[in-house]
Amino acid sequence: MDRHTLKENRIHGRPAYPMSVYEVDLPGHQPSVDCHWHDEWEWMLVTDGRGLFQIGSHTYEACAGQTLFIRSGELHAVYRIGDEPCRFTAIVFDAELLVGARFDVVQERYLEPLIKKRLEPPPLLAGDEPWERETRSLLEQVLRLNEARRDGYELDTKALLLMAAGRLSLHAAAPPATGRHDGDHAKTERLKSALNAIHEHYATKLSLRRLASEAGMSEGHFCRFFKSMVRKSPTEYINGYRVRMAARLLENEDRNVSEVALDVGFENPSYFIRVFKQYQGCTPAAYKKMLAGRD
């Protein structure tokens, strides 16, 4: 999965088994997983080091042994803390995997309130409570099953994910009726609008005025808001996104560096090379050569 895109359009797993596992290790030259969202649920199991995990408009520091849960449509991002390592495993799956063909008491009492967001589960499972450790253990079993892939692993995975969701549901709370909750939702929706504009129009000239308009803000307010939510200026974010799109295009042997630069919105090839090296740790030509060496 390209974990650095915004609204993900990718299918996780396969239609009959919509679940995938991803190992993520944040390297020194690219110390973050930028804001994005998807329709699936996601469990993040921190396996080494620690990091800052943004979910919606809130940020949580989590270390090895701790677990985070992200609901459908929630903006989330991950940031390294200084030079510390940050490794985690993500389990991404369609919540419909857990729903039976017939509406039953399990769906009514435990799953539907989570799916419809009538309950707010705790985003961070620190491991202080027995139920949090039990949930982590269930998810670690999911990882082992999907690595080994022995007969019946899909059945056991579904059962374990259902058990994990059940524990989460039992410890979830009703969202506040008004006030802070509504404000947080409005902030994330405004940010999504701006990010969507970047995602769809990164190859063209993107003005600050246009992005601010998408978010319904003045330019000055938008810059402060964007940096507070994304930890980067709009320009830094746009450059990073363009570089990631360029890295995809460079996989095509027929594309040269100058063509790719223009295709992702860089009018000056020299500036593109400099920015690419800043984000990827090597020049576009070196990156292309590295890809060729893997074949």
C-alpha atoms as a PDB file:
ATOM      1  CA  MET A   1       0.000   0.000   0.000  1.00  0.00           C
ATOM      2  CA  ASP A   2       1.187   3.509  -0.708  1.00  0.00           C
ATOM      3  CA  ARG A   3       0.608   4.743   2.801  1.00  0.00           C
ATOM      4  CA  HIS A   4       1.298   8.312   1.840  1.00  0.00           C
ATOM      5  CA  THR A   5      -1.723   9.026  -0.336  1.00  0.00           C
ATOM      6  CA  LEU A   6      -4.782  10.870   0.910  1.00  0.00           C
ATOM      7  CA  LYS A   7      -8.157   9.223   0.323  1.00  0.00           C
ATOM      8  CA  GLU A   8      -7.057   5.728  -0.564  1.00  0.00           C
ATOM      9  CA  ASN A   9      -8.847   4.121  -3.490  1.00  0.00           C
ATOM     10  CA  ARG A  10      -7.064   0.828  -3.190  1.00  0.00           C
ATOM     11  CA  ILE A  11      -8.725  -2.477  -2.323  1.00  0.00           C
ATOM     12  CA  HIS A  12      -7.110  -3.981   0.754  1.00  0.00           C
ATOM     13  CA  GLY A  13      -6.878  -7.734   0.354  1.00  0.00           C
ATOM     14  CA  ARG A  14      -9.324  -9.247  -2.112  1.00  0.00           C
ATOM     15  CA  PRO A  15     -13.103  -8.842  -2.463  1.00  0.00           C
ATOM     16  CA  ALA A  16     -13.867 -12.122  -0.697  1.00  0.00           C
ATOM     17  CA  TYR A  17     -11.297 -11.424   2.035  1.00  0.00           C
ATOM     18  CA  PRO A  18     -10.949  -7.625   2.399  1.00  0.00           C
ATOM     19  CA  MET A  19      -8.089  -7.601   4.870  1.00  0.00           C
ATOM     20  CA  SER A  20      -4.368  -6.889   4.550  1.00  0.00           C
ATOM     21  CA  VAL A  21      -1.352  -6.596   6.828  1.00  0.00           C
ATOM     22  CA  TYR A  22       1.376  -3.999   6.282  1.00  0.00           C
ATOM     23  CA  GLU A  23       4.747  -3.567   7.958  1.00  0.00           C
ATOM     24  CA  VAL A  24       5.771   0.090   8.226  1.00  0.00           C
ATOM     25  CA  ASP A  25       9.257   1.295   9.151  1.00  0.00           C
ATOM     26  CA  LEU A  26       9.775   5.050   9.020  1.00  0.00           C
ATOM     27  CA  PRO A  27      13.235   5.747   7.558  1.00  0.00           C
ATOM     28  CA  GLY A  28      15.359   8.707   8.525  1.00  0.00           C
ATOM     29  CA  HIS A  29      14.912  10.581   5.239  1.00  0.00           C
ATOM     30  CA  GLN A  30      11.132  10.196   5.304  1.00  0.00           C
ATOM     31  CA  PRO A  31      10.111  10.475   8.953  1.00  0.00           C
ATOM     32  CA  SER A  32       6.339  10.461   8.593  1.00  0.00           C
ATOM     33  CA  VAL A  33       3.286   8.820   7.118  1.00  0.00           C
ATOM     34  CA  ASP A  34       1.319  11.827   5.935  1.00  0.00           C
ATOM     35  CA  CYS A  35      -2.359  12.479   6.612  1.00  0.00           C
ATOM     36  CA  HIS A  36      -4.660  10.133   4.751  1.00  0.00           C
ATOM     37  CA  TRP A  37      -7.882   8.231   5.282  1.00  0.00           C
ATOM     38  CA  HIS A  38      -9.744   5.216   3.948  1.00  0.00           C
ATOM     39  CA  ASP A  39     -13.085   3.517   4.355  1.00  0.00           C
ATOM     40  CA  GLU A  40     -11.658   0.519   6.210  1.00  0.00           C
ATOM     41  CA  TRP A  41     -10.950   0.044   9.903  1.00  0.00           C
ATOM     42  CA  GLU A  42      -7.321  -0.107  10.910  1.00  0.00           C
ATOM     43  CA  TRP A  43      -5.411  -1.498  13.859  1.00  0.00           C
ATOM     44  CA  MET A  44      -1.841  -0.249  14.352  1.00  0.00           C
ATOM     45  CA  LEU A  45       0.447  -2.371  16.531  1.00  0.00           C
ATOM     46  CA  VAL A  46       3.624  -0.509  17.498  1.00  0.00           C
ATOM     47  CA  THR A  47       6.459  -3.052  17.407  1.00  0.00           C
ATOM     48  CA  ASP A  48       9.616  -0.985  17.928  1.00  0.00           C
ATOM     49  CA  GLY A  49      10.498   2.459  19.202  1.00  0.00           C
ATOM     50  CA  ARG A  50       7.826   5.097  19.556  1.00  0.00           C
ATOM     51  CA  GLY A  51       6.046   7.704  17.486  1.00  0.00           C
ATOM     52  CA  LEU A  52       3.342  10.326  17.396  1.00  0.00           C
ATOM     53  CA  PHE A  53       0.093   8.984  15.972  1.00  0.00           C
ATOM     54  CA  GLN A  54      -2.440  11.548  14.821  1.00  0.00           C
ATOM     55  CA  ILE A  55      -6.059  10.414  14.694  1.00  0.00           C
ATOM     56  CA  GLY A  56      -8.488  13.123  13.682  1.00  0.00           C
ATOM     57  CA  SER A  57      -7.399  16.331  15.386  1.00  0.00           C
ATOM     58  CA  HIS A  58      -5.738  14.550  18.327  1.00  0.00           C
ATOM     59  CA  THR A  59      -2.205  13.203  18.652  1.00  0.00           C
ATOM     60  CA  TYR A  60      -1.097  10.272  20.810  1.00  0.00           C
ATOM     61  CA  GLU A  61       2.407   9.184  21.710  1.00  0.00           C
ATOM     62  CA  ALA A  62       2.642   5.400  21.488  1.00  0.00           C
ATOM     63  CA  CYS A  63       5.536   3.013  22.030  1.00  0.00           C
ATOM     64  CA  ALA A  64       6.322  -0.650  21.378  1.00  0.00           C
ATOM     65  CA  GLY A  65       3.622  -2.899  22.803  1.00  0.00           C
ATOM     66  CA  GLN A  66       0.854  -0.340  22.439  1.00  0.00           C
ATOM     67  CA  THR A  67      -2.003  -0.408  19.936  1.00  0.00           C
ATOM     68  CA  LEU A  68      -4.158   2.150  18.144  1.00  0.00           C
ATOM     69  CA  PHE A  69      -7.535   1.879  16.445  1.00  0.00           C
ATOM     70  CA  ILE A  70      -8.724   3.985  13.501  1.00  0.00           C
ATOM     71  CA  ARG A  71     -12.302   4.020  12.306  1.00  0.00           C
ATOM     72  CA  SER A  72     -13.609   4.385   8.774  1.00  0.00           C
ATOM     73  CA  GLY A  73     -13.014   7.821   7.301  1.00  0.00           C
ATOM     74  CA  GLU A  74     -10.765   9.078  10.085  1.00  0.00           C
ATOM     75  CA  LEU A  75      -7.776  11.184   9.124  1.00  0.00           C
ATOM     76  CA  HIS A  76      -4.591   9.702  10.514  1.00  0.00           C
ATOM     77  CA  ALA A  77      -0.855  10.196  10.265  1.00  0.00           C
ATOM     78  CA  VAL A  78       2.328   8.980  11.964  1.00  0.00           C
ATOM     79  CA  TYR A  79       5.444  10.962  12.875  1.00  0.00           C
ATOM     80  CA  ARG A  80       8.804   9.930  14.219  1.00  0.00           C
ATOM     81  CA  ILE A  81      10.056  11.511  17.432  1.00  0.00           C
ATOM     82  CA  GLY A  82      13.502  12.901  16.690  1.00  0.00           C
ATOM     83  CA  ASP A  83      15.892  10.165  15.589  1.00  0.00           C
ATOM     84  CA  GLU A  84      14.075   7.377  17.420  1.00  0.00           C
ATOM     85  CA  PRO A  85      12.951   4.360  15.396  1.00  0.00           C
ATOM     86  CA  CYS A  86       9.271   3.878  14.745  1.00  0.00           C
ATOM     87  CA  ARG A  87       7.997   0.577  13.418  1.00  0.00           C
ATOM     88  CA  PHE A  88       4.450  -0.671  13.440  1.00  0.00           C
ATOM     89  CA  THR A  89       2.235  -3.261  11.799  1.00  0.00           C
ATOM     90  CA  ALA A  90      -1.108  -2.204  10.349  1.00  0.00           C
ATOM     91  CA  ILE A  91      -4.116  -4.479   9.980  1.00  0.00           C
ATOM     92  CA  VAL A  92      -6.491  -2.832   7.488  1.00  0.00           C
ATOM     93  CA  PHE A  93      -9.867  -4.434   6.824  1.00  0.00           C
ATOM     94  CA  ASP A  94     -13.419  -3.723   5.767  1.00  0.00           C
ATOM     95  CA  ALA A  95     -15.685  -3.781   8.818  1.00  0.00           C
ATOM     96  CA  GLU A  96     -18.275  -5.580   6.686  1.00  0.00           C
ATOM     97  CA  LEU A  97     -16.003  -8.623   6.956  1.00  0.00           C
ATOM     98  CA  LEU A  98     -17.331  -9.009  10.501  1.00  0.00           C
ATOM     99  CA  VAL A  99     -21.001  -8.579   9.636  1.00  0.00           C
ATOM    100  CA  GLY A 100     -23.165 -11.623   8.983  1.00  0.00           C
ATOM    101  CA  ALA A 101     -25.754 -11.971   6.237  1.00  0.00           C
ATOM    102  CA  ARG A 102     -28.484 -11.975   8.874  1.00  0.00           C
ATOM    103  CA  PHE A 103     -28.870  -9.099  11.328  1.00  0.00           C
ATOM    104  CA  ASP A 104     -28.391 -10.532  14.820  1.00  0.00           C
ATOM    105  CA  VAL A 105     -27.806  -9.425  18.398  1.00  0.00           C
ATOM    106  CA  VAL A 106     -24.023  -9.273  17.905  1.00  0.00           C
ATOM    107  CA  GLN A 107     -24.406  -6.838  15.055  1.00  0.00           C
ATOM    108  CA  GLU A 108     -27.103  -4.836  16.844  1.00  0.00           C
ATOM    109  CA  ARG A 109     -25.356  -4.422  20.204  1.00  0.00           C
ATOM    110  CA  TYR A 110     -21.663  -4.457  19.399  1.00  0.00           C
ATOM    111  CA  LEU A 111     -20.815  -3.913  15.723  1.00  0.00           C
ATOM    112  CA  GLU A 112     -23.451  -1.502  14.432  1.00  0.00           C
ATOM    113  CA  PRO A 113     -22.758   1.167  17.095  1.00  0.00           C
ATOM    114  CA  LEU A 114     -19.081   1.118  16.093  1.00  0.00           C
ATOM    115  CA  ILE A 115     -19.726   1.057  12.349  1.00  0.00           C
ATOM    116  CA  LYS A 116     -22.333   3.857  12.522  1.00  0.00           C
ATOM    117  CA  LYS A 117     -20.140   5.811  14.981  1.00  0.00           C
ATOM    118  CA  ARG A 118     -22.759   5.879  17.699  1.00  0.00           C
ATOM    119  CA  LEU A 119     -19.960   4.829  20.049  1.00  0.00           C
ATOM    120  CA  GLU A 120     -16.461   6.278  20.354  1.00  0.00           C
ATOM    121  CA  PRO A 121     -13.856   3.593  21.090  1.00  0.00           C
ATOM    122  CA  PRO A 122     -10.588   4.559  22.797  1.00  0.00           C
ATOM    123  CA  PRO A 123      -8.042   5.375  20.049  1.00  0.00           C
ATOM    124  CA  LEU A 124      -5.037   4.251  22.117  1.00  0.00           C
ATOM    125  CA  LEU A 125      -4.770   0.939  23.937  1.00  0.00           C
ATOM    126  CA  ALA A 126      -1.809   1.565  26.217  1.00  0.00           C
ATOM    127  CA  GLY A 127      -1.768  -1.949  27.655  1.00  0.00           C
ATOM    128  CA  ASP A 128      -2.501  -0.836  31.216  1.00  0.00           C
ATOM    129  CA  GLU A 129      -5.805  -2.703  31.421  1.00  0.00           C
ATOM    130  CA  PRO A 130      -6.276  -6.477  31.068  1.00  0.00           C
ATOM    131  CA  TRP A 131      -8.746  -6.044  28.207  1.00  0.00           C
ATOM    132  CA  GLU A 132      -6.212  -3.938  26.292  1.00  0.00           C
ATOM    133  CA  ARG A 133      -3.575  -6.651  26.630  1.00  0.00           C
ATOM    134  CA  GLU A 134      -6.108  -9.302  25.607  1.00  0.00           C
ATOM    135  CA  THR A 135      -7.004  -7.287  22.498  1.00  0.00           C
ATOM    136  CA  ARG A 136      -3.332  -6.915  21.583  1.00  0.00           C
ATOM    137  CA  SER A 137      -2.879 -10.671  21.957  1.00  0.00           C
ATOM    138  CA  LEU A 138      -5.832 -11.339  19.630  1.00  0.00           C
ATOM    139  CA  LEU A 139      -4.354  -9.046  16.994  1.00  0.00           C
ATOM    140  CA  GLU A 140      -0.908 -10.624  17.286  1.00  0.00           C
ATOM    141  CA  GLN A 141      -2.571 -13.968  16.565  1.00  0.00           C
ATOM    142  CA  VAL A 142      -4.082 -12.392  13.439  1.00  0.00           C
ATOM    143  CA  LEU A 143      -0.592 -11.411  12.304  1.00  0.00           C
ATOM    144  CA  ARG A 144       0.789 -14.903  12.821  1.00  0.00           C
ATOM    145  CA  LEU A 145      -2.147 -16.505  11.015  1.00  0.00           C
ATOM    146  CA  ASN A 146      -1.820 -14.260   7.973  1.00  0.00           C
ATOM    147  CA  GLU A 147       1.908 -14.810   7.784  1.00  0.00           C
ATOM    148  CA  ALA A 148       1.641 -18.608   7.897  1.00  0.00           C
ATOM    149  CA  ARG A 149      -1.576 -18.812   5.810  1.00  0.00           C
ATOM    150  CA  ARG A 150      -2.384 -22.358   6.728  1.00  0.00           C
ATOM    151  CA  ASP A 151      -5.748 -23.874   5.865  1.00  0.00           C
ATOM    152  CA  GLY A 152      -8.531 -22.103   7.715  1.00  0.00           C
ATOM    153  CA  TYR A 153      -6.581 -18.922   8.481  1.00  0.00           C
ATOM    154  CA  GLU A 154      -9.322 -16.716   7.031  1.00  0.00           C
ATOM    155  CA  LEU A 155     -11.915 -18.252   9.363  1.00  0.00           C
ATOM    156  CA  ASP A 156      -9.724 -17.822  12.435  1.00  0.00           C
ATOM    157  CA  THR A 157      -8.807 -14.270  11.397  1.00  0.00           C
ATOM    158  CA  LYS A 158     -12.460 -13.275  11.158  1.00  0.00           C
ATOM    159  CA  ALA A 159     -13.173 -14.777  14.568  1.00  0.00           C
ATOM    160  CA  LEU A 160     -10.226 -12.971  16.175  1.00  0.00           C
ATOM    161  CA  LEU A 161     -11.092  -9.613  14.598  1.00  0.00           C
ATOM    162  CA  LEU A 162     -14.661 -10.042  15.795  1.00  0.00           C
ATOM    163  CA  MET A 163     -13.425 -10.723  19.333  1.00  0.00           C
ATOM    164  CA  ALA A 164     -11.177  -7.654  19.204  1.00  0.00           C
ATOM    165  CA  ALA A 165     -14.090  -5.502  17.998  1.00  0.00           C
ATOM    166  CA  GLY A 166     -16.235  -6.885  20.802  1.00  0.00           C
ATOM    167  CA  ARG A 167     -13.735  -5.831  23.454  1.00  0.00           C
ATOM    168  CA  LEU A 168     -13.477  -2.422  21.855  1.00  0.00           C
ATOM    169  CA  SER A 169     -17.251  -2.004  21.789  1.00  0.00           C
ATOM    170  CA  LEU A 170     -17.592  -2.904  25.459  1.00  0.00           C
ATOM    171  CA  HIS A 171     -15.151  -0.150  26.400  1.00  0.00           C
ATOM    172  CA  ALA A 172     -16.427   2.520  24.013  1.00  0.00           C
ATOM    173  CA  ALA A 173     -18.361   5.585  25.119  1.00  0.00           C
ATOM    174  CA  ALA A 174     -21.164   7.616  23.610  1.00  0.00           C
ATOM    175  CA  PRO A 175     -19.837  10.678  21.738  1.00  0.00           C
ATOM    176  CA  PRO A 176     -20.617  14.096  23.204  1.00  0.00           C
ATOM    177  CA  ALA A 177     -23.781  15.566  21.746  1.00  0.00           C
ATOM    178  CA  THR A 178     -22.370  18.963  20.797  1.00  0.00           C
ATOM    179  CA  GLY A 179     -19.429  21.284  21.278  1.00  0.00           C
ATOM    180  CA  ARG A 180     -15.908  19.928  21.024  1.00  0.00           C
ATOM    181  CA  HIS A 181     -16.889  16.841  19.027  1.00  0.00           C
ATOM    182  CA  ASP A 182     -18.612  18.947  16.354  1.00  0.00           C
ATOM    183  CA  GLY A 183     -15.654  21.321  16.240  1.00  0.00           C
ATOM    184  CA  ASP A 184     -13.176  18.483  15.748  1.00  0.00           C
ATOM    185  CA  HIS A 185     -15.296  17.002  12.961  1.00  0.00           C
ATOM    186  CA  ALA A 186     -15.517  20.359  11.192  1.00  0.00           C
ATOM    187  CA  LYS A 187     -11.738  20.797  11.382  1.00  0.00           C
ATOM    188  CA  THR A 188     -11.004  17.387   9.877  1.00  0.00           C
ATOM    189  CA  GLU A 189     -13.567  17.899   7.103  1.00  0.00           C
ATOM    190  CA  ARG A 190     -11.979  21.234   6.177  1.00  0.00           C
ATOM    191  CA  LEU A 191      -8.568  19.612   6.085  1.00  0.00           C
ATOM    192  CA  LYS A 192      -9.909  16.785   3.928  1.00  0.00           C
ATOM    193  CA  SER A 193     -11.195  19.339   1.415  1.00  0.00           C
ATOM    194  CA  ALA A 194      -7.764  20.935   1.115  1.00  0.00           C
ATOM    195  CA  LEU A 195      -5.987  17.589   0.916  1.00  0.00           C
ATOM    196  CA  ASN A 196      -8.383  16.403  -1.777  1.00  0.00           C
ATOM    197  CA  ALA A 197      -7.539  19.474  -3.843  1.00  0.00           C
ATOM    198  CA  ILE A 198      -3.832  18.650  -3.542  1.00  0.00           C
ATOM    199  CA  HIS A 199      -4.467  15.013  -4.374  1.00  0.00           C
ATOM    200  CA  GLU A 200      -6.478  15.799  -7.490  1.00  0.00           C
ATOM    201  CA  HIS A 201      -4.517  18.781  -8.826  1.00  0.00           C
ATOM    202  CA  TYR A 202      -0.912  18.245  -7.686  1.00  0.00           C
ATOM    203  CA  ALA A 203       0.298  18.241 -11.314  1.00  0.00           C
ATOM    204  CA  THR A 204      -0.938  21.802 -11.846  1.00  0.00           C
ATOM    205  CA  LYS A 205       0.016  25.084 -10.234  1.00  0.00           C
ATOM    206  CA  LEU A 206      -1.625  25.109  -6.803  1.00  0.00           C
ATOM    207  CA  SER A 207      -2.019  28.507  -5.197  1.00  0.00           C
ATOM    208  CA  LEU A 208      -2.401  29.108  -1.488  1.00  0.00           C
ATOM    209  CA  ARG A 209      -5.539  31.102  -2.265  1.00  0.00           C
ATOM    210  CA  ARG A 210      -7.135  28.098  -3.938  1.00  0.00           C
ATOM    211  CA  LEU A 211      -6.372  25.737  -1.050  1.00  0.00           C
ATOM    212  CA  ALA A 212      -7.582  28.265   1.504  1.00  0.00           C
ATOM    213  CA  SER A 213     -10.804  28.622  -0.478  1.00  0.00           C
ATOM    214  CA  GLU A 214     -11.312  24.847  -0.433  1.00  0.00           C
ATOM    215  CA  ALA A 215     -11.089  24.948   3.363  1.00  0.00           C
ATOM    216  CA  GLY A 216     -13.258  28.056   3.637  1.00  0.00           C
ATOM    217  CA  MET A 217     -10.549  30.150   5.315  1.00  0.00           C
ATOM    218  CA  SER A 218      -8.398  33.190   4.754  1.00  0.00           C
ATOM    219  CA  GLU A 219      -4.875  32.458   3.493  1.00  0.00           C
ATOM    220  CA  GLY A 220      -3.214  33.388   6.777  1.00  0.00           C
ATOM    221  CA  HIS A 221      -5.645  31.353   8.877  1.00  0.00           C
ATOM    222  CA  PHE A 222      -5.352  28.412   6.497  1.00  0.00           C
ATOM    223  CA  CYS A 223      -1.539  28.317   6.725  1.00  0.00           C
ATOM    224  CA  ARG A 224      -1.665  28.236  10.518  1.00  0.00           C
ATOM    225  CA  PHE A 225      -4.470  25.672  10.527  1.00  0.00           C
ATOM    226  CA  PHE A 226      -2.764  23.402   7.986  1.00  0.00           C
ATOM    227  CA  LYS A 227       0.555  23.398   9.828  1.00  0.00           C
ATOM    228  CA  SER A 228      -1.126  22.722  13.172  1.00  0.00           C
ATOM    229  CA  MET A 229      -2.921  19.699  11.705  1.00  0.00           C
ATOM    230  CA  VAL A 230      -0.313  18.298   9.306  1.00  0.00           C
ATOM    231  CA  ARG A 231       2.953  19.503  10.936  1.00  0.00           C
ATOM    232  CA  LYS A 232       4.096  20.840   7.579  1.00  0.00           C
ATOM    233  CA  SER A 233       3.454  23.967   5.578  1.00  0.00           C
ATOM    234  CA  PRO A 234       1.198  23.580   2.518  1.00  0.00           C
ATOM    235  CA  THR A 235       4.248  23.958   0.248  1.00  0.00           C
ATOM    236  CA  GLU A 236       6.194  21.259   2.105  1.00  0.00           C
ATOM    237  CA  TYR A 237       3.237  18.919   1.899  1.00  0.00           C
ATOM    238  CA  ILE A 238       2.658  19.543  -1.812  1.00  0.00           C
ATOM    239  CA  ASN A 239       6.342  18.979  -2.603  1.00  0.00           C
ATOM    240  CA  GLY A 240       6.354  15.730  -0.646  1.00  0.00           C
ATOM    241  CA  TYR A 241       3.252  14.472  -2.406  1.00  0.00           C
ATOM    242  CA  ARG A 242       4.626  15.381  -5.828  1.00  0.00           C
ATOM    243  CA  VAL A 243       7.848  13.520  -5.058  1.00  0.00           C
ATOM    244  CA  ARG A 244       5.918  10.391  -4.107  1.00  0.00           C
ATOM    245  CA  MET A 245       3.937  10.546  -7.332  1.00  0.00           C
ATOM    246  CA  ALA A 246       7.208  11.050  -9.219  1.00  0.00           C
ATOM    247  CA  ALA A 247       8.671   7.947  -7.582  1.00  0.00           C
ATOM    248  CA  ARG A 248       5.792   5.935  -9.034  1.00  0.00           C
ATOM    249  CA  LEU A 249       6.339   7.350 -12.521  1.00  0.00           C
ATOM    250  CA  LEU A 250      10.064   6.615 -12.387  1.00  0.00           C
ATOM    251  CA  GLU A 251       9.215   2.917 -12.211  1.00  0.00           C
ATOM    252  CA  ASN A 252       8.436   3.188 -15.922  1.00  0.00           C
ATOM    253  CA  GLU A 253      11.680   2.636 -17.824  1.00  0.00           C
ATOM    254  CA  ASP A 254      10.551   4.866 -20.707  1.00  0.00           C
ATOM    255  CA  ARG A 255      10.152   8.009 -18.589  1.00  0.00           C
ATOM    256  CA  ASN A 256      13.083  10.361 -18.156  1.00  0.00           C
ATOM    257  CA  VAL A 257      13.608  12.663 -15.191  1.00  0.00           C
ATOM    258  CA  SER A 258      12.640  15.892 -16.973  1.00  0.00           C
ATOM    259  CA  GLU A 259       9.354  14.420 -18.213  1.00  0.00           C
ATOM    260  CA  VAL A 260       8.479  13.140 -14.774  1.00  0.00           C
ATOM    261  CA  ALA A 261       9.269  16.514 -13.196  1.00  0.00           C
ATOM    262  CA  LEU A 262       6.787  18.263 -15.485  1.00  0.00           C
ATOM    263  CA  ASP A 263       4.146  15.566 -15.047  1.00  0.00           C
ATOM    264  CA  VAL A 264       4.034  16.020 -11.261  1.00  0.00           C
ATOM    265  CA  GLY A 265       4.008  19.811 -11.253  1.00  0.00           C
ATOM    266  CA  PHE A 266       7.683  20.831 -11.092  1.00  0.00           C
ATOM    267  CA  GLU A 267       8.421  23.370 -13.824  1.00  0.00           C
ATOM    268  CA  ASN A 268      12.161  23.457 -13.055  1.00  0.00           C
ATOM    269  CA  PRO A 269      13.945  20.057 -13.377  1.00  0.00           C
ATOM    270  CA  SER A 270      16.882  21.222 -11.234  1.00  0.00           C
ATOM    271  CA  TYR A 271      14.533  22.190  -8.413  1.00  0.00           C
ATOM    272  CA  PHE A 272      12.753  18.843  -8.806  1.00  0.00           C
ATOM    273  CA  ILE A 273      16.036  16.939  -8.419  1.00  0.00           C
ATOM    274  CA  ARG A 274      16.896  18.901  -5.289  1.00  0.00           C
ATOM    275  CA  VAL A 275      13.483  18.369  -3.691  1.00  0.00           C
ATOM    276  CA  PHE A 276      13.391  14.682  -4.674  1.00  0.00           C
ATOM    277  CA  LYS A 277      16.723  14.089  -2.937  1.00  0.00           C
ATOM    278  CA  GLN A 278      15.476  15.902   0.152  1.00  0.00           C
ATOM    279  CA  TYR A 279      12.473  13.591   0.482  1.00  0.00           C
ATOM    280  CA  GLN A 280      13.793  10.293  -0.897  1.00  0.00           C
ATOM    281  CA  GLY A 281      17.432  10.453   0.151  1.00  0.00           C
ATOM    282  CA  CYS A 282      18.755  10.124  -3.414  1.00  0.00           C
ATOM    283  CA  THR A 283      18.436  11.797  -6.808  1.00  0.00           C
ATOM    284  CA  PRO A 284      15.726  10.709  -9.286  1.00  0.00           C
ATOM    285  CA  ALA A 285      18.393   9.158 -11.527  1.00  0.00           C
ATOM    286  CA  ALA A 286      19.835   7.160  -8.623  1.00  0.00           C
ATOM    287  CA  TYR A 287      16.327   6.085  -7.625  1.00  0.00           C
ATOM    288  CA  LYS A 288      15.608   4.900 -11.167  1.00  0.00           C
ATOM    289  CA  LYS A 289      18.916   3.010 -11.242  1.00  0.00           C
ATOM    290  CA  MET A 290      18.105   1.363  -7.918  1.00  0.00           C
ATOM    291  CA  LEU A 291      14.746   0.181  -9.283  1.00  0.00           C
ATOM    292  CA  ALA A 292      16.423  -1.229 -12.398  1.00  0.00           C
ATOM    293  CA  GLY A 293      18.874  -3.166 -10.225  1.00  0.00           C
ATOM    294  CA  ARG A 294      16.020  -4.963  -8.475  1.00  0.00           C
ATOM    295  CA  ASP A 295      14.720  -6.516 -11.699  1.00  0.00           C
END
